[in-house]
N, C-alpha and C. Protein backbone atom coordinates (compact mmCIF):
# COMPACT_ATOMS: atom_id res chain seq x y z
N MET A 1 -26.20 29.92 -8.74
CA MET A 1 -27.43 29.94 -9.98
C MET A 1 -26.23 29.52 -10.85
N VAL A 2 -26.96 28.53 -12.32
CA VAL A 2 -26.16 28.22 -13.12
C VAL A 2 -26.61 29.17 -14.21
N LEU A 3 -26.29 30.32 -15.00
CA LEU A 3 -26.61 30.62 -16.58
C LEU A 3 -26.03 29.50 -17.64
N SER A 4 -26.84 28.85 -18.45
CA SER A 4 -25.94 28.18 -19.21
C SER A 4 -26.60 28.51 -20.58
N GLY A 5 -26.25 28.21 -21.76
CA GLY A 5 -26.25 28.58 -22.85
C GLY A 5 -25.21 28.20 -24.26
N LEU A 6 -25.83 28.63 -25.64
CA LEU A 6 -25.12 28.37 -26.57
C LEU A 6 -23.49 29.01 -26.22
N PRO A 7 -22.56 29.37 -26.92
CA PRO A 7 -21.14 30.09 -27.21
C PRO A 7 -21.52 31.18 -27.68
N GLY A 8 -21.23 32.36 -26.72
CA GLY A 8 -21.44 34.00 -27.47
C GLY A 8 -22.84 34.15 -27.58
N ILE A 9 -23.72 33.64 -26.55
CA ILE A 9 -24.95 34.28 -26.47
C ILE A 9 -25.46 35.43 -25.54
N GLY A 10 -24.59 35.39 -24.56
CA GLY A 10 -24.18 36.69 -23.65
C GLY A 10 -24.31 36.20 -22.01
N LYS A 11 -23.98 34.86 -21.85
CA LYS A 11 -24.09 34.48 -20.54
C LYS A 11 -23.44 35.45 -19.23
N THR A 12 -21.81 35.32 -19.88
CA THR A 12 -20.88 36.04 -19.27
C THR A 12 -21.12 37.83 -19.15
N ALA A 13 -21.39 38.51 -20.12
CA ALA A 13 -22.36 39.66 -19.76
C ALA A 13 -23.09 40.18 -19.38
N LEU A 14 -24.41 38.66 -19.19
CA LEU A 14 -25.36 39.03 -18.03
C LEU A 14 -24.82 38.81 -16.74
N ALA A 15 -24.00 38.04 -16.35
CA ALA A 15 -23.61 37.52 -15.26
C ALA A 15 -22.69 39.02 -14.58
N LEU A 16 -21.83 39.48 -15.90
CA LEU A 16 -21.24 40.71 -14.86
C LEU A 16 -22.33 41.80 -14.83
N HIS A 17 -23.27 42.26 -15.93
CA HIS A 17 -24.18 43.25 -15.82
C HIS A 17 -24.77 42.85 -14.43
N VAL A 18 -25.26 41.69 -13.92
CA VAL A 18 -26.26 41.25 -13.02
C VAL A 18 -25.20 41.81 -11.69
N ALA A 19 -23.72 41.12 -11.67
CA ALA A 19 -22.81 41.25 -10.52
C ALA A 19 -22.66 42.86 -10.21
N HIS A 20 -22.94 43.86 -11.34
CA HIS A 20 -22.57 45.00 -10.97
C HIS A 20 -23.48 45.58 -10.27
N GLN A 21 -24.94 45.13 -10.91
CA GLN A 21 -26.53 45.87 -9.92
C GLN A 21 -26.34 45.08 -8.71
N ALA A 22 -26.25 44.32 -8.56
CA ALA A 22 -26.06 43.53 -7.20
C ALA A 22 -25.21 44.33 -6.39
N VAL A 23 -24.10 44.49 -6.90
CA VAL A 23 -23.26 45.37 -5.92
C VAL A 23 -23.29 46.71 -5.55
N ALA A 24 -24.19 47.31 -6.91
CA ALA A 24 -24.59 48.77 -6.95
C ALA A 24 -25.66 48.69 -5.67
N ARG A 25 -26.34 48.00 -5.64
CA ARG A 25 -28.00 48.26 -5.11
C ARG A 25 -27.68 47.54 -3.34
N GLY A 26 -26.07 47.69 -2.86
CA GLY A 26 -25.82 46.98 -1.60
C GLY A 26 -26.09 45.79 -1.28
N TRP A 27 -26.14 44.52 -2.47
CA TRP A 27 -26.52 43.57 -1.66
C TRP A 27 -25.66 42.88 -1.26
N PHE A 28 -24.17 43.04 -2.16
CA PHE A 28 -22.79 42.60 -1.63
C PHE A 28 -21.87 43.37 -1.46
N PRO A 29 -22.16 44.04 0.09
CA PRO A 29 -20.88 44.81 0.31
C PRO A 29 -19.47 44.22 0.50
N GLY A 30 -19.51 43.35 0.61
CA GLY A 30 -18.11 42.82 0.17
C GLY A 30 -17.77 42.86 -1.33
N GLY A 31 -18.55 43.12 -2.22
CA GLY A 31 -18.00 43.02 -3.69
C GLY A 31 -18.41 41.71 -4.51
N ALA A 32 -17.68 41.62 -5.87
CA ALA A 32 -17.77 40.49 -6.28
C ALA A 32 -16.47 39.79 -6.77
N LEU A 33 -16.11 38.87 -6.73
CA LEU A 33 -14.96 38.28 -7.61
C LEU A 33 -15.32 37.20 -8.76
N PHE A 34 -14.61 37.79 -9.66
CA PHE A 34 -14.27 36.92 -10.61
C PHE A 34 -13.66 35.89 -11.19
N LEU A 35 -14.06 34.73 -11.42
CA LEU A 35 -13.09 33.47 -11.69
C LEU A 35 -13.18 33.28 -13.17
N HIS A 36 -12.13 33.34 -13.86
CA HIS A 36 -12.32 32.31 -15.48
C HIS A 36 -11.89 31.35 -15.07
N LEU A 37 -12.71 30.28 -15.44
CA LEU A 37 -12.02 28.74 -15.45
C LEU A 37 -11.82 28.63 -16.74
N ARG A 38 -12.50 28.82 -17.70
CA ARG A 38 -11.82 28.47 -19.15
C ARG A 38 -12.08 27.28 -19.50
N GLY A 39 -13.28 26.62 -19.75
CA GLY A 39 -13.87 25.75 -19.52
C GLY A 39 -13.94 25.07 -20.67
N HIS A 40 -13.71 26.12 -21.73
CA HIS A 40 -13.99 25.83 -23.36
C HIS A 40 -12.47 25.97 -23.94
N ASP A 41 -11.37 26.18 -23.16
CA ASP A 41 -10.25 27.18 -23.74
C ASP A 41 -9.46 25.95 -24.32
N PRO A 42 -8.66 26.13 -25.11
CA PRO A 42 -8.30 25.38 -26.33
C PRO A 42 -7.28 24.72 -25.51
N ALA A 43 -6.41 25.58 -24.71
CA ALA A 43 -5.21 24.83 -23.55
C ALA A 43 -6.09 24.41 -22.29
N GLY A 44 -7.39 24.04 -22.05
CA GLY A 44 -7.86 23.40 -21.17
C GLY A 44 -8.59 24.05 -20.17
N PRO A 45 -9.35 23.65 -19.07
CA PRO A 45 -10.00 24.02 -18.53
C PRO A 45 -9.19 24.15 -17.00
N VAL A 46 -9.62 25.15 -16.35
CA VAL A 46 -8.76 25.34 -15.06
C VAL A 46 -9.60 24.07 -14.39
N GLY A 47 -9.05 23.07 -13.74
CA GLY A 47 -9.12 21.90 -12.68
C GLY A 47 -9.68 22.86 -11.20
N ALA A 48 -10.62 21.88 -10.69
CA ALA A 48 -10.62 22.43 -9.33
C ALA A 48 -10.10 22.36 -8.29
N LYS A 49 -8.86 22.20 -8.24
CA LYS A 49 -7.52 22.10 -7.53
C LYS A 49 -6.84 23.74 -7.58
N GLU A 50 -7.20 24.13 -9.23
CA GLU A 50 -6.21 25.35 -9.64
C GLU A 50 -7.71 26.51 -8.93
N ALA A 51 -9.09 26.04 -9.29
CA ALA A 51 -9.56 26.74 -9.22
C ALA A 51 -10.27 27.18 -7.62
N ILE A 52 -9.82 26.47 -6.64
CA ILE A 52 -10.07 27.27 -5.18
C ILE A 52 -8.38 27.94 -4.72
N GLY A 53 -7.62 27.62 -5.86
CA GLY A 53 -6.11 28.08 -6.03
C GLY A 53 -6.13 29.73 -5.84
N MET A 54 -7.17 29.60 -6.78
CA MET A 54 -7.77 31.36 -7.99
C MET A 54 -8.77 32.11 -6.54
N LEU A 55 -9.44 30.91 -5.92
CA LEU A 55 -10.22 31.86 -5.18
C LEU A 55 -9.36 32.04 -3.82
N ALA A 56 -8.23 31.79 -3.19
CA ALA A 56 -7.47 31.50 -2.19
C ALA A 56 -6.93 32.79 -2.63
N ARG A 57 -6.07 33.42 -3.45
CA ARG A 57 -5.39 34.24 -4.08
C ARG A 57 -6.47 35.46 -4.16
N ALA A 58 -7.52 35.14 -4.53
CA ALA A 58 -8.82 36.54 -4.67
C ALA A 58 -9.10 36.85 -3.19
N LEU A 59 -8.97 36.17 -2.55
CA LEU A 59 -9.47 36.44 -0.48
C LEU A 59 -7.98 36.72 0.26
N CYS A 60 -7.55 36.37 -0.50
CA CYS A 60 -5.60 36.73 0.35
C CYS A 60 -5.44 35.80 1.07
N VAL A 61 -5.60 34.09 0.92
CA VAL A 61 -5.62 33.29 1.51
C VAL A 61 -4.05 32.84 0.68
N ASP A 62 -3.38 32.02 1.76
CA ASP A 62 -2.14 31.67 1.49
C ASP A 62 -2.62 30.48 0.58
N ASP A 63 -1.72 30.50 -0.68
CA ASP A 63 -2.52 29.19 -1.86
C ASP A 63 -1.22 28.07 -1.71
N ALA A 64 -0.36 27.97 -0.58
CA ALA A 64 0.72 27.38 -0.34
C ALA A 64 0.55 26.22 0.33
N MET A 65 -0.50 24.97 0.38
CA MET A 65 -1.14 23.90 0.65
C MET A 65 -2.02 23.39 -0.17
N THR A 66 -2.56 22.56 0.40
CA THR A 66 -3.21 21.64 -0.05
C THR A 66 -4.89 21.63 -0.70
N PRO A 67 -5.08 21.38 -1.70
CA PRO A 67 -6.37 21.93 -2.14
C PRO A 67 -7.23 21.77 -0.73
N ASP A 68 -7.58 20.73 -0.25
CA ASP A 68 -8.71 20.87 1.10
C ASP A 68 -8.55 21.35 1.97
N GLU A 69 -7.00 22.18 2.37
CA GLU A 69 -6.61 23.29 3.20
C GLU A 69 -7.14 24.48 2.74
N GLN A 70 -6.90 24.86 1.22
CA GLN A 70 -7.24 25.96 1.07
C GLN A 70 -8.83 26.07 1.00
N THR A 71 -9.37 25.25 0.28
CA THR A 71 -11.16 25.15 0.55
C THR A 71 -11.26 25.12 1.55
N GLY A 72 -11.08 25.03 3.23
CA GLY A 72 -11.37 25.27 5.09
C GLY A 72 -10.64 26.75 4.85
N LEU A 73 -10.13 26.83 4.66
CA LEU A 73 -9.29 28.33 4.93
C LEU A 73 -10.28 29.83 3.65
N CYS A 74 -10.52 28.82 2.38
CA CYS A 74 -11.50 30.19 1.49
C CYS A 74 -12.83 30.25 2.44
N GLN A 75 -13.22 29.22 2.75
CA GLN A 75 -14.73 28.83 3.67
C GLN A 75 -14.58 30.05 5.14
N ALA A 76 -13.08 29.98 5.45
CA ALA A 76 -13.15 30.61 7.07
C ALA A 76 -12.94 32.12 6.91
N ALA A 77 -12.22 32.59 5.65
CA ALA A 77 -12.46 33.73 5.36
C ALA A 77 -13.86 34.47 4.70
N LEU A 78 -14.25 33.36 4.20
CA LEU A 78 -15.87 34.12 3.57
C LEU A 78 -16.76 33.65 4.96
N ASN A 79 -16.66 33.17 6.00
CA ASN A 79 -17.16 33.20 7.03
C ASN A 79 -16.89 34.51 7.52
N ARG A 80 -15.75 34.74 7.82
CA ARG A 80 -15.18 36.23 8.29
C ARG A 80 -16.04 37.28 8.01
N LEU A 81 -15.86 37.24 6.31
CA LEU A 81 -16.41 38.41 6.14
C LEU A 81 -18.14 38.87 6.20
N THR A 82 -18.80 37.43 6.28
CA THR A 82 -20.30 37.32 6.68
C THR A 82 -20.91 37.68 7.73
N ASP A 83 -19.51 37.80 8.90
CA ASP A 83 -19.89 38.18 10.21
C ASP A 83 -19.62 39.65 10.42
N GLU A 84 -18.90 40.21 9.39
CA GLU A 84 -18.45 41.59 9.32
C GLU A 84 -19.57 42.29 8.37
N GLY A 85 -20.56 41.40 7.80
CA GLY A 85 -21.54 42.00 6.96
C GLY A 85 -21.21 42.57 5.44
N ARG A 86 -20.02 41.75 4.99
CA ARG A 86 -19.66 41.76 3.97
C ARG A 86 -20.01 40.80 3.17
N ALA A 87 -20.62 40.55 2.43
CA ALA A 87 -21.13 39.07 2.09
C ALA A 87 -20.48 39.28 0.48
N VAL A 88 -20.39 38.51 -0.84
CA VAL A 88 -19.47 38.14 -1.47
C VAL A 88 -20.11 37.89 -2.62
N LEU A 89 -20.20 37.94 -3.90
CA LEU A 89 -20.83 37.41 -5.36
C LEU A 89 -19.56 36.82 -5.65
N LEU A 90 -19.73 35.36 -6.16
CA LEU A 90 -18.62 35.02 -6.55
C LEU A 90 -19.34 34.53 -7.62
N ILE A 91 -18.22 34.52 -8.73
CA ILE A 91 -18.56 34.69 -10.21
C ILE A 91 -18.02 33.39 -10.98
N ALA A 92 -18.08 32.26 -11.37
CA ALA A 92 -17.06 31.24 -11.99
C ALA A 92 -17.63 31.48 -13.21
N ASP A 93 -16.95 32.08 -14.32
CA ASP A 93 -17.27 32.07 -15.64
C ASP A 93 -16.99 30.75 -16.37
N ASP A 94 -17.26 30.52 -17.44
CA ASP A 94 -17.24 29.38 -17.98
C ASP A 94 -16.85 27.98 -17.58
N ALA A 95 -17.76 27.33 -16.79
CA ALA A 95 -17.41 26.26 -15.97
C ALA A 95 -17.51 25.38 -16.77
N SER A 96 -17.00 23.80 -16.81
CA SER A 96 -17.22 22.79 -17.86
C SER A 96 -17.78 21.57 -16.80
N SER A 97 -17.74 21.74 -15.77
CA SER A 97 -18.44 20.45 -14.79
C SER A 97 -18.89 21.22 -13.39
N ALA A 98 -19.39 19.96 -13.10
CA ALA A 98 -19.45 20.81 -11.30
C ALA A 98 -18.53 20.46 -11.00
N LEU A 99 -18.03 19.45 -11.04
CA LEU A 99 -16.68 19.03 -10.47
C LEU A 99 -15.89 20.07 -9.87
N GLN A 100 -15.51 20.65 -11.50
CA GLN A 100 -15.23 22.12 -11.50
C GLN A 100 -15.25 23.17 -10.23
N ILE A 101 -16.42 23.19 -9.86
CA ILE A 101 -16.81 24.58 -9.07
C ILE A 101 -17.31 24.07 -7.63
N GLU A 102 -17.43 22.85 -7.09
CA GLU A 102 -17.81 22.47 -6.02
C GLU A 102 -17.30 23.18 -4.84
N ARG A 103 -16.02 23.18 -4.88
CA ARG A 103 -15.00 23.88 -3.81
C ARG A 103 -15.56 25.05 -3.70
N LEU A 104 -15.90 25.54 -4.31
CA LEU A 104 -16.24 27.11 -4.54
C LEU A 104 -17.38 27.60 -3.94
N VAL A 105 -18.56 26.48 -3.69
CA VAL A 105 -19.72 26.90 -3.10
C VAL A 105 -19.95 27.40 -2.00
N PRO A 106 -20.35 28.63 -1.72
CA PRO A 106 -19.77 29.04 -0.07
C PRO A 106 -20.84 28.49 1.03
N ALA A 107 -20.27 28.30 1.47
CA ALA A 107 -20.89 27.18 3.03
C ALA A 107 -22.07 28.59 3.63
N ARG A 108 -22.14 29.30 3.69
CA ARG A 108 -23.44 30.18 4.39
C ARG A 108 -24.18 31.11 3.01
N SER A 109 -25.20 31.09 3.31
CA SER A 109 -26.12 31.60 2.53
C SER A 109 -25.98 32.89 1.98
N ALA A 110 -25.18 33.85 2.93
CA ALA A 110 -24.97 35.47 2.93
C ALA A 110 -24.17 35.91 1.30
N HIS A 111 -23.39 34.50 1.29
CA HIS A 111 -22.74 35.28 -0.30
C HIS A 111 -23.37 34.02 -1.14
N ARG A 112 -23.05 34.14 -2.45
CA ARG A 112 -23.62 33.74 -3.96
C ARG A 112 -22.69 33.51 -4.86
N LEU A 113 -22.94 32.49 -5.32
CA LEU A 113 -22.05 32.23 -6.43
C LEU A 113 -22.91 31.92 -7.65
N LEU A 114 -22.49 32.27 -8.86
CA LEU A 114 -23.39 32.68 -10.03
C LEU A 114 -22.20 32.13 -11.34
N VAL A 115 -22.45 31.11 -11.80
CA VAL A 115 -21.76 30.41 -12.75
C VAL A 115 -22.07 30.46 -13.78
N THR A 116 -21.35 30.21 -15.46
CA THR A 116 -22.33 30.40 -16.35
C THR A 116 -21.21 29.14 -16.91
N SER A 117 -21.99 28.77 -18.07
CA SER A 117 -21.78 27.69 -18.92
C SER A 117 -22.47 27.09 -19.77
N ARG A 118 -21.72 26.12 -20.16
CA ARG A 118 -22.74 25.89 -21.48
C ARG A 118 -23.55 24.86 -21.54
N HIS A 119 -23.17 24.34 -20.11
CA HIS A 119 -23.88 23.21 -20.23
C HIS A 119 -24.89 23.16 -18.38
N LEU A 120 -25.79 22.44 -18.22
CA LEU A 120 -27.06 22.45 -17.41
C LEU A 120 -25.76 21.38 -16.67
N LEU A 121 -25.29 22.33 -15.37
CA LEU A 121 -24.27 22.05 -14.33
C LEU A 121 -25.36 21.54 -13.39
N THR A 122 -25.28 19.90 -12.61
CA THR A 122 -26.03 19.20 -11.72
C THR A 122 -25.29 18.45 -10.83
N GLY A 123 -25.38 17.97 -9.77
CA GLY A 123 -24.95 17.30 -9.42
C GLY A 123 -25.21 17.30 -7.76
N PRO A 124 -24.73 16.32 -6.95
CA PRO A 124 -25.20 16.17 -5.51
C PRO A 124 -24.43 17.28 -4.85
N SER A 125 -23.01 18.01 -5.11
CA SER A 125 -22.83 18.97 -3.94
C SER A 125 -23.33 20.08 -4.83
N LEU A 126 -23.78 20.24 -5.96
CA LEU A 126 -24.14 21.53 -6.20
C LEU A 126 -25.58 21.68 -6.61
N ARG A 127 -26.71 22.28 -5.83
CA ARG A 127 -27.88 22.26 -5.83
C ARG A 127 -28.08 23.61 -6.57
N ALA A 128 -28.25 23.97 -7.23
CA ALA A 128 -28.47 25.64 -7.86
C ALA A 128 -29.43 25.98 -8.75
N ARG A 129 -30.36 26.86 -8.64
CA ARG A 129 -31.26 27.26 -10.01
C ARG A 129 -30.49 27.32 -11.34
N LEU A 130 -31.16 26.68 -12.20
CA LEU A 130 -30.67 26.52 -13.50
C LEU A 130 -31.39 27.18 -14.09
N PHE A 131 -30.75 28.60 -15.01
CA PHE A 131 -31.40 29.35 -16.09
C PHE A 131 -30.56 29.08 -17.20
N GLY A 132 -31.38 28.53 -18.39
CA GLY A 132 -31.40 28.18 -19.70
C GLY A 132 -31.20 29.69 -20.69
N LEU A 133 -30.27 30.15 -20.98
CA LEU A 133 -30.39 31.02 -22.11
C LEU A 133 -30.90 30.74 -23.44
N ASP A 134 -31.52 31.29 -24.24
CA ASP A 134 -31.91 30.79 -25.79
C ASP A 134 -31.80 32.60 -26.68
N GLU A 135 -31.12 31.88 -27.63
CA GLU A 135 -31.23 33.08 -29.05
C GLU A 135 -32.74 33.90 -28.67
N LEU A 136 -32.61 35.04 -29.03
CA LEU A 136 -33.28 36.17 -29.06
C LEU A 136 -33.99 36.05 -30.59
N ALA A 137 -35.06 35.97 -30.74
CA ALA A 137 -35.72 35.93 -32.02
C ALA A 137 -35.62 37.09 -32.79
N PRO A 138 -35.60 37.48 -33.84
CA PRO A 138 -35.36 38.57 -34.81
C PRO A 138 -35.71 40.03 -33.79
N ARG A 139 -36.98 39.93 -33.80
CA ARG A 139 -37.60 41.46 -33.61
C ARG A 139 -37.04 41.39 -31.94
N GLY A 140 -37.13 40.66 -31.14
CA GLY A 140 -36.84 40.70 -29.70
C GLY A 140 -35.26 41.45 -29.30
N ALA A 141 -34.42 40.81 -30.66
CA ALA A 141 -32.92 41.68 -30.64
C ALA A 141 -32.66 42.60 -31.18
N ALA A 142 -33.61 43.28 -32.39
CA ALA A 142 -33.83 44.88 -32.34
C ALA A 142 -34.65 45.52 -31.86
N ASP A 143 -35.52 44.87 -30.43
CA ASP A 143 -36.02 45.54 -29.85
C ASP A 143 -35.01 45.99 -28.59
N LEU A 144 -33.84 44.98 -28.49
CA LEU A 144 -33.19 44.48 -27.29
C LEU A 144 -31.73 46.01 -27.29
N ILE A 145 -31.87 45.95 -28.89
CA ILE A 145 -30.80 46.61 -29.41
C ILE A 145 -31.05 48.36 -29.21
N ALA A 146 -32.20 48.76 -29.60
CA ALA A 146 -32.57 49.80 -29.33
C ALA A 146 -33.14 50.34 -28.11
N GLU A 147 -33.26 49.44 -27.39
CA GLU A 147 -33.80 49.87 -26.13
C GLU A 147 -32.45 49.93 -25.34
N THR A 148 -31.39 49.41 -25.44
CA THR A 148 -29.87 49.53 -24.95
C THR A 148 -29.33 51.27 -25.70
N ARG A 149 -29.54 51.29 -26.72
CA ARG A 149 -29.35 52.43 -27.30
C ARG A 149 -29.60 53.74 -26.91
N ARG A 150 -31.39 53.60 -26.62
CA ARG A 150 -32.00 54.78 -25.60
C ARG A 150 -31.37 54.91 -24.55
N HIS A 151 -31.14 53.82 -23.74
CA HIS A 151 -30.58 53.72 -22.29
C HIS A 151 -29.59 54.30 -22.61
N ALA A 152 -28.64 54.25 -23.15
CA ALA A 152 -26.96 54.69 -23.60
C ALA A 152 -27.15 56.49 -23.39
N ARG A 153 -28.00 56.81 -24.84
CA ARG A 153 -28.11 57.83 -25.54
C ARG A 153 -29.51 58.33 -24.90
N PRO A 154 -30.04 58.95 -24.16
CA PRO A 154 -31.25 59.22 -24.04
C PRO A 154 -31.58 60.14 -25.20
N ASP A 155 -30.96 61.43 -25.42
CA ASP A 155 -30.73 62.30 -26.18
C ASP A 155 -30.62 62.33 -27.53
N ASP A 156 -30.56 61.03 -27.72
CA ASP A 156 -30.03 60.54 -29.65
C ASP A 156 -31.11 60.23 -30.20
N PRO A 157 -31.44 60.83 -31.09
CA PRO A 157 -33.19 60.72 -31.79
C PRO A 157 -32.30 59.34 -32.91
């Protein structure tokens, strides 16, 4: 799944909220892994090879090898987690291109990849549901703030 929208619209906050809720509901007993891809960082984005290295380190896979070997070992680690009944949600935050995340796509459907990006990411190796986030209208924004406040402090009038 790819969440796309303007900078600062809440893509990362939504992805993290969804991840916490999904793990709390038991949908991902293996937990969630967050990978910050720095798609629009002034220092430059994380490259595809660096991204698979980040995942390898998160999965405790040796990262002193080629990206193809890392990809294979990451998929094997994820497959073991599937066999153990421990599906994982991967969150790839601030992706700048489909190439940046193509090695992160889990081979088995028990695991899921949730991507945030300023762009609608598509490509032959990335078949994803695309969700565009738009700005809220002023009334909708006020209602959201009020509801959030009521939820956080129900006894505060």
